[in-house]
Amino acid sequence: MSRLRLAHVAIGNLRDVSLEVADGEIVCLSGASGSGKSRLLRAVADIEPHEGDVFIGQDEQSSMPGHVWRRRVMLVPADSQWWFDEVGAHFPSEARETVPECLGLGLDVMNWPVSRLSSGERQRLALWRALAMAPEALLLDEPTANLDDAMTRAMEDWLLEETRKRSLAVLWVAHDHSQIGRVAARHYRIHRSLLEPANGSD
């Protein structure tokens, strides 16, 4: 069953993007800088106006308010946003009582000021924050870009496990072809104005 479906989506220079992502599947997107990868994710998240239709299950994006859609189809941007001074204020109460070991952070991080976090810590916590909201689909924009190799592998393994366990549909923007080979069930690239199956090179 396809959890997330794009039908003839167009935004910016991108045209006629049609794609289905099944429960528990990770589909990676790549392409040159400025090709529209992030804008496509923002269209799927209902943050930028676009043409075409997007569905989560049988429900159409246009059938519900944007904030309701974004709880079900959760975007984790490359530069995560934080609104409150304290880390824990961004998490549901139950998620403040546990921090996945693979994040490399103790439970006391929930009491830290956001200003104390490094870019890598923000990135890891943004992933946990998204999962803690129990979405049906995740849109990940280079989620390991600020991490070293060891932490990147740890985050990949964790996200693969959570994707399967939660039956999430995941669209993952990535540049590293080694990473794509490790995490993706399928890989598409943006070439000119079209999304097409990748053949191993951009």
N, C-alpha and C. Protein backbone atom coordinates (compact mmCIF):
# COMPACT_ATOMS: atom_id res chain seq x y z
N MET A 1 0.84 -1.19 0.00
CA MET A 1 0.00 0.00 0.00
C MET A 1 0.87 1.24 0.00
N SER A 2 0.53 2.23 -0.80
CA SER A 2 1.30 3.46 -0.86
C SER A 2 0.81 4.42 0.22
N ARG A 3 1.70 4.74 1.14
CA ARG A 3 1.32 5.66 2.21
C ARG A 3 1.36 7.11 1.71
N LEU A 4 2.40 7.45 0.92
CA LEU A 4 2.57 8.82 0.43
C LEU A 4 2.57 8.79 -1.09
N ARG A 5 1.75 9.65 -1.69
CA ARG A 5 1.65 9.65 -3.15
C ARG A 5 1.65 11.07 -3.69
N LEU A 6 2.52 11.31 -4.67
CA LEU A 6 2.59 12.57 -5.39
C LEU A 6 2.04 12.35 -6.79
N ALA A 7 1.14 13.22 -7.21
CA ALA A 7 0.51 13.07 -8.53
C ALA A 7 0.66 14.38 -9.30
N HIS A 8 1.56 14.37 -10.29
CA HIS A 8 1.75 15.50 -11.21
C HIS A 8 2.07 16.80 -10.47
N VAL A 9 2.94 16.70 -9.48
CA VAL A 9 3.33 17.88 -8.70
C VAL A 9 4.30 18.73 -9.52
N ALA A 10 4.11 20.03 -9.46
CA ALA A 10 5.01 20.98 -10.13
C ALA A 10 5.30 22.12 -9.17
N ILE A 11 6.59 22.47 -9.04
CA ILE A 11 6.99 23.61 -8.23
C ILE A 11 8.33 24.12 -8.78
N GLY A 12 8.45 25.44 -8.91
CA GLY A 12 9.66 25.99 -9.51
C GLY A 12 9.84 25.46 -10.91
N ASN A 13 11.04 24.96 -11.19
CA ASN A 13 11.31 24.39 -12.52
C ASN A 13 10.89 22.93 -12.64
N LEU A 14 10.53 22.31 -11.53
CA LEU A 14 10.14 20.90 -11.56
C LEU A 14 8.74 20.74 -12.15
N ARG A 15 8.59 19.73 -12.98
CA ARG A 15 7.31 19.49 -13.64
C ARG A 15 6.92 18.02 -13.55
N ASP A 16 5.62 17.78 -13.36
CA ASP A 16 5.03 16.46 -13.49
C ASP A 16 5.73 15.41 -12.62
N VAL A 17 5.90 15.72 -11.34
CA VAL A 17 6.51 14.76 -10.41
C VAL A 17 5.42 13.83 -9.88
N SER A 18 5.50 12.57 -10.25
CA SER A 18 4.58 11.55 -9.75
C SER A 18 5.40 10.44 -9.11
N LEU A 19 5.06 10.12 -7.87
CA LEU A 19 5.89 9.19 -7.09
C LEU A 19 5.05 8.59 -5.98
N GLU A 20 5.27 7.32 -5.69
CA GLU A 20 4.60 6.66 -4.58
C GLU A 20 5.64 6.09 -3.63
N VAL A 21 5.40 6.26 -2.33
CA VAL A 21 6.29 5.74 -1.30
C VAL A 21 5.46 4.87 -0.37
N ALA A 22 5.84 3.62 -0.24
CA ALA A 22 5.06 2.66 0.53
C ALA A 22 5.35 2.76 2.03
N ASP A 23 4.50 2.14 2.82
CA ASP A 23 4.75 2.01 4.26
C ASP A 23 6.11 1.37 4.48
N GLY A 24 6.91 1.95 5.35
CA GLY A 24 8.19 1.37 5.71
C GLY A 24 9.26 1.48 4.64
N GLU A 25 9.06 2.35 3.66
CA GLU A 25 10.01 2.47 2.55
C GLU A 25 10.72 3.82 2.60
N ILE A 26 12.02 3.79 2.29
CA ILE A 26 12.82 5.01 2.15
C ILE A 26 13.15 5.21 0.68
N VAL A 27 12.74 6.34 0.14
CA VAL A 27 13.08 6.73 -1.23
C VAL A 27 13.99 7.95 -1.16
N CYS A 28 15.17 7.83 -1.75
CA CYS A 28 16.12 8.94 -1.74
C CYS A 28 16.01 9.78 -3.01
N LEU A 29 16.19 11.08 -2.83
CA LEU A 29 16.21 12.05 -3.92
C LEU A 29 17.57 12.72 -3.96
N SER A 30 18.13 12.85 -5.15
CA SER A 30 19.39 13.59 -5.30
C SER A 30 19.27 14.49 -6.51
N GLY A 31 20.30 15.31 -6.70
CA GLY A 31 20.31 16.25 -7.82
C GLY A 31 21.26 17.38 -7.53
N ALA A 32 21.58 18.14 -8.54
CA ALA A 32 22.52 19.25 -8.39
C ALA A 32 21.98 20.29 -7.43
N SER A 33 22.88 21.06 -6.85
CA SER A 33 22.48 22.16 -5.99
C SER A 33 21.57 23.12 -6.76
N GLY A 34 20.46 23.49 -6.15
CA GLY A 34 19.53 24.40 -6.80
C GLY A 34 18.56 23.72 -7.74
N SER A 35 18.58 22.40 -7.79
CA SER A 35 17.71 21.69 -8.74
C SER A 35 16.26 21.61 -8.26
N GLY A 36 16.03 21.87 -6.97
CA GLY A 36 14.66 21.88 -6.47
C GLY A 36 14.31 20.80 -5.47
N LYS A 37 15.32 20.11 -4.94
CA LYS A 37 15.05 19.02 -3.99
C LYS A 37 14.33 19.52 -2.74
N SER A 38 14.87 20.57 -2.14
CA SER A 38 14.27 21.09 -0.91
C SER A 38 12.89 21.69 -1.18
N ARG A 39 12.74 22.35 -2.31
CA ARG A 39 11.43 22.93 -2.64
C ARG A 39 10.38 21.84 -2.85
N LEU A 40 10.81 20.71 -3.42
CA LEU A 40 9.87 19.61 -3.59
C LEU A 40 9.40 19.10 -2.22
N LEU A 41 10.33 18.94 -1.28
CA LEU A 41 9.93 18.52 0.06
C LEU A 41 8.98 19.53 0.70
N ARG A 42 9.25 20.81 0.48
CA ARG A 42 8.39 21.84 1.06
C ARG A 42 6.99 21.82 0.42
N ALA A 43 6.92 21.47 -0.85
CA ALA A 43 5.62 21.31 -1.50
C ALA A 43 4.86 20.13 -0.90
N VAL A 44 5.56 19.01 -0.71
CA VAL A 44 4.92 17.83 -0.13
C VAL A 44 4.47 18.12 1.30
N ALA A 45 5.21 18.97 2.01
CA ALA A 45 4.83 19.35 3.38
C ALA A 45 3.77 20.44 3.41
N ASP A 46 3.34 20.93 2.25
CA ASP A 46 2.33 21.99 2.17
C ASP A 46 2.83 23.29 2.79
N ILE A 47 4.10 23.59 2.53
CA ILE A 47 4.68 24.85 2.99
C ILE A 47 4.78 25.83 1.83
N GLU A 48 5.02 25.32 0.62
CA GLU A 48 5.08 26.18 -0.57
C GLU A 48 3.94 25.83 -1.52
N PRO A 49 3.33 26.84 -2.14
CA PRO A 49 2.28 26.57 -3.14
C PRO A 49 2.85 25.76 -4.30
N HIS A 50 2.02 24.91 -4.86
CA HIS A 50 2.47 24.04 -5.94
C HIS A 50 1.27 23.58 -6.74
N GLU A 51 1.54 23.02 -7.89
CA GLU A 51 0.51 22.37 -8.69
C GLU A 51 0.53 20.87 -8.42
N GLY A 52 -0.56 20.21 -8.78
CA GLY A 52 -0.65 18.77 -8.59
C GLY A 52 -1.21 18.42 -7.22
N ASP A 53 -1.26 17.13 -6.94
CA ASP A 53 -1.89 16.62 -5.73
C ASP A 53 -0.92 15.75 -4.93
N VAL A 54 -1.09 15.79 -3.60
CA VAL A 54 -0.31 14.93 -2.71
C VAL A 54 -1.29 14.25 -1.76
N PHE A 55 -1.08 12.96 -1.53
CA PHE A 55 -1.98 12.17 -0.68
C PHE A 55 -1.18 11.48 0.41
N ILE A 56 -1.78 11.37 1.60
CA ILE A 56 -1.28 10.49 2.64
C ILE A 56 -2.38 9.47 2.88
N GLY A 57 -2.10 8.23 2.54
CA GLY A 57 -3.17 7.24 2.50
C GLY A 57 -4.19 7.66 1.46
N GLN A 58 -5.45 7.72 1.85
CA GLN A 58 -6.52 8.15 0.94
C GLN A 58 -6.84 9.64 1.08
N ASP A 59 -6.15 10.32 1.97
CA ASP A 59 -6.47 11.71 2.27
C ASP A 59 -5.62 12.67 1.45
N GLU A 60 -6.29 13.63 0.81
CA GLU A 60 -5.60 14.60 -0.03
C GLU A 60 -5.13 15.79 0.78
N GLN A 61 -3.95 16.28 0.42
CA GLN A 61 -3.37 17.42 1.11
C GLN A 61 -4.34 18.60 1.19
N SER A 62 -5.03 18.88 0.09
CA SER A 62 -5.92 20.04 0.02
C SER A 62 -7.19 19.88 0.85
N SER A 63 -7.42 18.69 1.41
CA SER A 63 -8.65 18.44 2.16
C SER A 63 -8.55 18.81 3.63
N MET A 64 -7.37 19.26 4.07
CA MET A 64 -7.20 19.54 5.50
C MET A 64 -6.33 20.77 5.70
N PRO A 65 -6.44 21.42 6.86
CA PRO A 65 -5.58 22.57 7.15
C PRO A 65 -4.10 22.18 7.13
N GLY A 66 -3.25 23.13 6.77
CA GLY A 66 -1.83 22.85 6.64
C GLY A 66 -1.21 22.29 7.91
N HIS A 67 -1.57 22.83 9.08
CA HIS A 67 -0.94 22.36 10.32
C HIS A 67 -1.33 20.92 10.63
N VAL A 68 -2.53 20.52 10.23
CA VAL A 68 -2.95 19.13 10.43
C VAL A 68 -2.16 18.21 9.50
N TRP A 69 -2.02 18.61 8.25
CA TRP A 69 -1.23 17.84 7.28
C TRP A 69 0.21 17.67 7.77
N ARG A 70 0.79 18.76 8.28
CA ARG A 70 2.21 18.71 8.66
C ARG A 70 2.46 17.89 9.93
N ARG A 71 1.42 17.58 10.68
CA ARG A 71 1.58 16.63 11.78
C ARG A 71 1.65 15.20 11.25
N ARG A 72 1.03 14.97 10.11
CA ARG A 72 1.01 13.63 9.51
C ARG A 72 2.18 13.43 8.55
N VAL A 73 2.56 14.50 7.86
CA VAL A 73 3.67 14.47 6.89
C VAL A 73 4.70 15.47 7.39
N MET A 74 5.69 14.97 8.13
CA MET A 74 6.59 15.81 8.93
C MET A 74 7.89 16.10 8.18
N LEU A 75 8.18 17.38 7.99
CA LEU A 75 9.41 17.81 7.35
C LEU A 75 10.48 18.07 8.40
N VAL A 76 11.68 17.51 8.18
CA VAL A 76 12.85 17.85 8.99
C VAL A 76 13.82 18.57 8.05
N PRO A 77 13.84 19.91 8.09
CA PRO A 77 14.68 20.65 7.15
C PRO A 77 16.16 20.53 7.51
N ALA A 78 17.01 20.93 6.57
CA ALA A 78 18.45 20.87 6.80
C ALA A 78 18.85 21.77 7.97
N ASP A 79 18.17 22.89 8.13
CA ASP A 79 18.43 23.82 9.22
C ASP A 79 17.19 23.83 10.12
N SER A 80 17.23 23.04 11.19
CA SER A 80 16.04 22.86 12.03
C SER A 80 15.70 24.15 12.77
N GLN A 81 14.42 24.31 13.04
CA GLN A 81 13.92 25.51 13.71
C GLN A 81 13.58 25.18 15.17
N TRP A 82 13.90 26.14 16.07
CA TRP A 82 13.65 25.98 17.50
C TRP A 82 13.00 27.26 18.01
N TRP A 83 11.87 27.13 18.71
CA TRP A 83 11.06 28.30 19.05
C TRP A 83 11.15 28.69 20.51
N PHE A 84 11.48 27.75 21.37
CA PHE A 84 11.53 28.01 22.81
C PHE A 84 12.98 27.99 23.29
N ASP A 85 13.22 28.55 24.45
CA ASP A 85 14.59 28.63 24.97
C ASP A 85 15.12 27.27 25.40
N GLU A 86 14.23 26.41 25.92
CA GLU A 86 14.66 25.12 26.47
C GLU A 86 14.35 23.99 25.50
N VAL A 87 15.28 23.05 25.38
CA VAL A 87 15.12 21.93 24.44
C VAL A 87 13.82 21.16 24.71
N GLY A 88 13.57 20.81 25.96
CA GLY A 88 12.44 19.95 26.29
C GLY A 88 11.09 20.54 25.94
N ALA A 89 11.01 21.86 25.86
CA ALA A 89 9.73 22.51 25.54
C ALA A 89 9.26 22.19 24.13
N HIS A 90 10.14 21.64 23.28
CA HIS A 90 9.79 21.30 21.91
C HIS A 90 9.26 19.87 21.76
N PHE A 91 9.23 19.12 22.87
CA PHE A 91 8.89 17.70 22.80
C PHE A 91 7.60 17.40 23.56
N PRO A 92 6.83 16.41 23.07
CA PRO A 92 5.69 15.93 23.88
C PRO A 92 6.21 15.44 25.23
N SER A 93 5.36 15.49 26.24
CA SER A 93 5.80 15.18 27.60
C SER A 93 6.43 13.79 27.72
N GLU A 94 5.85 12.78 27.04
CA GLU A 94 6.39 11.43 27.16
C GLU A 94 7.78 11.31 26.53
N ALA A 95 8.04 12.12 25.49
CA ALA A 95 9.34 12.06 24.82
C ALA A 95 10.43 12.73 25.64
N ARG A 96 10.05 13.54 26.63
CA ARG A 96 11.05 14.19 27.48
C ARG A 96 11.63 13.23 28.50
N GLU A 97 11.03 12.06 28.63
CA GLU A 97 11.45 11.09 29.64
C GLU A 97 12.44 10.07 29.10
N THR A 98 12.74 10.15 27.80
CA THR A 98 13.69 9.22 27.22
C THR A 98 14.37 9.86 26.02
N VAL A 99 15.64 9.57 25.85
CA VAL A 99 16.39 10.03 24.68
C VAL A 99 17.07 8.80 24.09
N PRO A 100 16.83 8.48 22.81
CA PRO A 100 17.47 7.29 22.22
C PRO A 100 18.98 7.31 22.42
N GLU A 101 19.52 6.18 22.84
CA GLU A 101 20.94 6.09 23.15
C GLU A 101 21.82 6.47 21.97
N CYS A 102 21.35 6.15 20.75
CA CYS A 102 22.17 6.39 19.56
C CYS A 102 22.40 7.88 19.31
N LEU A 103 21.60 8.76 19.92
CA LEU A 103 21.80 10.19 19.73
C LEU A 103 23.05 10.69 20.43
N GLY A 104 23.58 9.89 21.37
CA GLY A 104 24.78 10.28 22.07
C GLY A 104 24.57 11.42 23.06
N LEU A 105 23.34 11.55 23.54
CA LEU A 105 22.99 12.62 24.47
C LEU A 105 22.24 12.03 25.66
N GLY A 106 22.50 12.58 26.85
CA GLY A 106 21.81 12.12 28.03
C GLY A 106 20.44 12.76 28.19
N LEU A 107 19.65 12.25 29.12
CA LEU A 107 18.32 12.77 29.36
C LEU A 107 18.34 14.23 29.80
N ASP A 108 19.46 14.65 30.40
CA ASP A 108 19.56 16.04 30.87
C ASP A 108 19.54 17.05 29.73
N VAL A 109 19.71 16.57 28.47
CA VAL A 109 19.66 17.49 27.34
C VAL A 109 18.31 18.20 27.27
N MET A 110 17.27 17.57 27.79
CA MET A 110 15.94 18.18 27.76
C MET A 110 15.88 19.46 28.59
N ASN A 111 16.83 19.62 29.52
CA ASN A 111 16.88 20.83 30.35
C ASN A 111 17.86 21.87 29.81
N TRP A 112 18.55 21.53 28.74
CA TRP A 112 19.52 22.47 28.18
C TRP A 112 18.83 23.63 27.48
N PRO A 113 19.48 24.81 27.46
CA PRO A 113 19.01 25.86 26.55
C PRO A 113 19.38 25.49 25.12
N VAL A 114 18.53 25.82 24.18
CA VAL A 114 18.80 25.50 22.77
C VAL A 114 20.13 26.11 22.34
N SER A 115 20.48 27.26 22.88
CA SER A 115 21.72 27.95 22.50
C SER A 115 22.97 27.14 22.82
N ARG A 116 22.85 26.15 23.69
CA ARG A 116 23.99 25.31 24.06
C ARG A 116 24.26 24.23 23.02
N LEU A 117 23.28 23.92 22.18
CA LEU A 117 23.41 22.82 21.23
C LEU A 117 24.33 23.16 20.07
N SER A 118 25.16 22.20 19.68
CA SER A 118 25.93 22.33 18.44
C SER A 118 25.01 22.07 17.26
N SER A 119 25.49 22.34 16.06
CA SER A 119 24.67 22.09 14.86
C SER A 119 24.34 20.61 14.73
N GLY A 120 25.29 19.73 15.05
CA GLY A 120 25.04 18.30 14.97
C GLY A 120 24.03 17.84 16.01
N GLU A 121 24.12 18.38 17.23
CA GLU A 121 23.16 18.03 18.27
C GLU A 121 21.76 18.50 17.90
N ARG A 122 21.66 19.68 17.31
CA ARG A 122 20.35 20.17 16.86
C ARG A 122 19.77 19.24 15.79
N GLN A 123 20.63 18.79 14.90
CA GLN A 123 20.16 17.93 13.82
C GLN A 123 19.64 16.60 14.37
N ARG A 124 20.38 16.00 15.29
CA ARG A 124 19.95 14.73 15.86
C ARG A 124 18.66 14.88 16.66
N LEU A 125 18.58 15.95 17.44
CA LEU A 125 17.38 16.17 18.24
C LEU A 125 16.17 16.52 17.38
N ALA A 126 16.41 17.19 16.26
CA ALA A 126 15.29 17.49 15.34
C ALA A 126 14.69 16.21 14.78
N LEU A 127 15.52 15.21 14.52
CA LEU A 127 15.02 13.92 14.05
C LEU A 127 14.19 13.24 15.13
N TRP A 128 14.69 13.26 16.37
CA TRP A 128 13.94 12.65 17.47
C TRP A 128 12.63 13.40 17.71
N ARG A 129 12.69 14.74 17.63
CA ARG A 129 11.48 15.54 17.81
C ARG A 129 10.42 15.16 16.77
N ALA A 130 10.84 14.99 15.51
CA ALA A 130 9.89 14.62 14.46
C ALA A 130 9.28 13.25 14.73
N LEU A 131 10.10 12.27 15.08
CA LEU A 131 9.58 10.93 15.35
C LEU A 131 8.66 10.92 16.57
N ALA A 132 8.98 11.76 17.55
CA ALA A 132 8.17 11.82 18.77
C ALA A 132 6.77 12.34 18.50
N MET A 133 6.57 13.02 17.39
CA MET A 133 5.25 13.54 17.03
C MET A 133 4.39 12.49 16.32
N ALA A 134 4.96 11.29 16.12
CA ALA A 134 4.24 10.14 15.52
C ALA A 134 3.62 10.46 14.17
N PRO A 135 4.43 10.94 13.20
CA PRO A 135 3.88 11.19 11.85
C PRO A 135 3.69 9.88 11.10
N GLU A 136 3.04 10.00 9.94
CA GLU A 136 2.87 8.85 9.05
C GLU A 136 3.92 8.85 7.94
N ALA A 137 4.49 10.01 7.67
CA ALA A 137 5.53 10.14 6.64
C ALA A 137 6.56 11.14 7.12
N LEU A 138 7.82 10.92 6.74
CA LEU A 138 8.91 11.83 7.07
C LEU A 138 9.55 12.35 5.79
N LEU A 139 9.84 13.64 5.78
CA LEU A 139 10.54 14.29 4.68
C LEU A 139 11.87 14.79 5.26
N LEU A 140 12.96 14.16 4.86
CA LEU A 140 14.26 14.44 5.46
C LEU A 140 15.16 15.15 4.46
N ASP A 141 15.61 16.34 4.82
CA ASP A 141 16.46 17.14 3.94
C ASP A 141 17.89 17.08 4.45
N GLU A 142 18.68 16.16 3.87
CA GLU A 142 20.07 15.94 4.28
C GLU A 142 20.20 15.83 5.80
N PRO A 143 19.57 14.84 6.40
CA PRO A 143 19.48 14.76 7.86
C PRO A 143 20.77 14.47 8.59
N THR A 144 21.84 14.09 7.87
CA THR A 144 23.11 13.79 8.54
C THR A 144 24.24 14.70 8.06
N ALA A 145 23.89 15.82 7.45
CA ALA A 145 24.91 16.67 6.82
C ALA A 145 25.93 17.21 7.80
N ASN A 146 25.55 17.43 9.07
CA ASN A 146 26.46 18.03 10.04
C ASN A 146 27.09 17.02 10.98
N LEU A 147 27.03 15.73 10.63
CA LEU A 147 27.50 14.68 11.52
C LEU A 147 28.77 14.02 11.00
N ASP A 148 29.60 13.52 11.92
CA ASP A 148 30.79 12.78 11.50
C ASP A 148 30.38 11.39 11.02
N ASP A 149 31.35 10.64 10.50
CA ASP A 149 31.03 9.37 9.87
C ASP A 149 30.38 8.38 10.84
N ALA A 150 30.92 8.29 12.05
CA ALA A 150 30.39 7.33 13.02
C ALA A 150 28.96 7.68 13.40
N MET A 151 28.70 8.96 13.66
CA MET A 151 27.35 9.36 14.05
C MET A 151 26.39 9.25 12.86
N THR A 152 26.90 9.51 11.64
CA THR A 152 26.06 9.34 10.45
C THR A 152 25.58 7.91 10.34
N ARG A 153 26.50 6.95 10.53
CA ARG A 153 26.10 5.54 10.45
C ARG A 153 25.11 5.18 11.55
N ALA A 154 25.33 5.72 12.74
CA ALA A 154 24.41 5.44 13.83
C ALA A 154 23.01 5.98 13.53
N MET A 155 22.95 7.19 12.97
CA MET A 155 21.66 7.79 12.63
C MET A 155 20.98 7.03 11.49
N GLU A 156 21.76 6.59 10.52
CA GLU A 156 21.19 5.80 9.43
C GLU A 156 20.54 4.52 9.96
N ASP A 157 21.28 3.81 10.82
CA ASP A 157 20.75 2.55 11.37
C ASP A 157 19.48 2.81 12.16
N TRP A 158 19.49 3.85 12.95
CA TRP A 158 18.33 4.20 13.78
C TRP A 158 17.12 4.56 12.92
N LEU A 159 17.36 5.39 11.89
CA LEU A 159 16.25 5.80 11.02
C LEU A 159 15.70 4.62 10.23
N LEU A 160 16.58 3.73 9.78
CA LEU A 160 16.11 2.52 9.09
C LEU A 160 15.22 1.69 10.02
N GLU A 161 15.67 1.52 11.25
CA GLU A 161 14.89 0.73 12.22
C GLU A 161 13.54 1.38 12.51
N GLU A 162 13.55 2.69 12.74
CA GLU A 162 12.30 3.40 13.07
C GLU A 162 11.35 3.42 11.87
N THR A 163 11.90 3.54 10.67
CA THR A 163 11.06 3.53 9.47
C THR A 163 10.29 2.23 9.36
N ARG A 164 10.98 1.12 9.59
CA ARG A 164 10.33 -0.19 9.50
C ARG A 164 9.36 -0.41 10.66
N LYS A 165 9.81 -0.07 11.87
CA LYS A 165 8.99 -0.31 13.06
C LYS A 165 7.70 0.49 13.03
N ARG A 166 7.78 1.73 12.56
CA ARG A 166 6.62 2.62 12.55
C ARG A 166 5.87 2.59 11.22
N SER A 167 6.38 1.83 10.24
CA SER A 167 5.78 1.77 8.89
C SER A 167 5.66 3.16 8.28
N LEU A 168 6.74 3.93 8.38
CA LEU A 168 6.77 5.28 7.83
C LEU A 168 7.07 5.26 6.35
N ALA A 169 6.51 6.22 5.62
CA ALA A 169 6.94 6.51 4.25
C ALA A 169 7.94 7.65 4.34
N VAL A 170 9.13 7.46 3.77
CA VAL A 170 10.21 8.45 3.94
C VAL A 170 10.74 8.91 2.59
N LEU A 171 10.76 10.22 2.40
CA LEU A 171 11.48 10.85 1.30
C LEU A 171 12.72 11.50 1.89
N TRP A 172 13.90 11.10 1.39
CA TRP A 172 15.18 11.48 2.03
C TRP A 172 16.06 12.13 0.96
N VAL A 173 16.32 13.41 1.09
CA VAL A 173 17.24 14.10 0.18
C VAL A 173 18.67 13.84 0.64
N ALA A 174 19.51 13.36 -0.28
CA ALA A 174 20.89 13.01 0.06
C ALA A 174 21.79 13.30 -1.13
N HIS A 175 23.07 13.61 -0.84
CA HIS A 175 24.08 13.79 -1.88
C HIS A 175 25.06 12.61 -1.94
N ASP A 176 25.28 11.99 -0.79
CA ASP A 176 26.29 10.94 -0.67
C ASP A 176 25.75 9.63 -1.25
N HIS A 177 26.35 9.19 -2.34
CA HIS A 177 25.86 7.97 -2.99
C HIS A 177 26.10 6.73 -2.15
N SER A 178 27.13 6.76 -1.29
CA SER A 178 27.33 5.63 -0.38
C SER A 178 26.18 5.54 0.61
N GLN A 179 25.77 6.69 1.11
CA GLN A 179 24.63 6.70 2.03
C GLN A 179 23.36 6.24 1.34
N ILE A 180 23.13 6.73 0.14
CA ILE A 180 21.95 6.33 -0.61
C ILE A 180 21.92 4.81 -0.78
N GLY A 181 23.08 4.23 -1.08
CA GLY A 181 23.15 2.79 -1.24
C GLY A 181 22.83 2.03 0.04
N ARG A 182 23.12 2.64 1.18
CA ARG A 182 22.86 1.98 2.46
C ARG A 182 21.40 2.09 2.90
N VAL A 183 20.74 3.20 2.59
CA VAL A 183 19.42 3.42 3.19
C VAL A 183 18.25 3.32 2.23
N ALA A 184 18.48 3.51 0.92
CA ALA A 184 17.35 3.68 0.00
C ALA A 184 16.85 2.36 -0.57
N ALA A 185 15.54 2.22 -0.57
CA ALA A 185 14.92 1.14 -1.34
C ALA A 185 14.90 1.52 -2.81
N ARG A 186 14.71 2.81 -3.09
CA ARG A 186 14.76 3.34 -4.45
C ARG A 186 15.42 4.72 -4.43
N HIS A 187 15.98 5.10 -5.57
CA HIS A 187 16.70 6.36 -5.68
C HIS A 187 16.28 7.07 -6.96
N TYR A 188 15.86 8.32 -6.81
CA TYR A 188 15.50 9.16 -7.95
C TYR A 188 16.37 10.41 -7.93
N ARG A 189 16.62 10.94 -9.11
CA ARG A 189 17.37 12.18 -9.19
C ARG A 189 16.58 13.21 -9.98
N ILE A 190 16.87 14.47 -9.67
CA ILE A 190 16.29 15.56 -10.46
C ILE A 190 17.26 15.88 -11.59
N HIS A 191 16.78 15.77 -12.80
CA HIS A 191 17.59 16.07 -13.98
C HIS A 191 16.82 17.07 -14.82
N ARG A 192 17.39 18.26 -14.95
CA ARG A 192 16.70 19.37 -15.60
C ARG A 192 15.40 19.65 -14.86
N SER A 193 14.27 19.45 -15.47
CA SER A 193 13.01 19.79 -14.80
C SER A 193 12.21 18.56 -14.40
N LEU A 194 12.87 17.37 -14.45
CA LEU A 194 12.13 16.12 -14.21
C LEU A 194 12.77 15.30 -13.12
N LEU A 195 11.93 14.52 -12.42
CA LEU A 195 12.40 13.52 -11.48
C LEU A 195 12.42 12.19 -12.20
N GLU A 196 13.57 11.52 -12.17
CA GLU A 196 13.68 10.27 -12.92
C GLU A 196 14.47 9.25 -12.11
N PRO A 197 14.27 7.95 -12.37
CA PRO A 197 15.05 6.93 -11.67
C PRO A 197 16.55 7.17 -11.89
N ALA A 198 17.32 7.07 -10.81
CA ALA A 198 18.77 7.32 -10.91
C ALA A 198 19.46 6.12 -11.55
N ASN A 199 20.53 6.42 -12.26
CA ASN A 199 21.31 5.35 -12.88
C ASN A 199 22.71 5.26 -12.28
N GLY A 200 22.86 5.85 -11.07
CA GLY A 200 24.14 5.75 -10.39
C GLY A 200 24.99 7.00 -10.48
N SER A 201 24.55 8.01 -11.22
CA SER A 201 25.32 9.25 -11.31
C SER A 201 24.38 10.41 -11.47
N ASP A 202 24.83 11.57 -11.02
CA ASP A 202 24.06 12.79 -11.20
C ASP A 202 24.59 13.58 -12.39
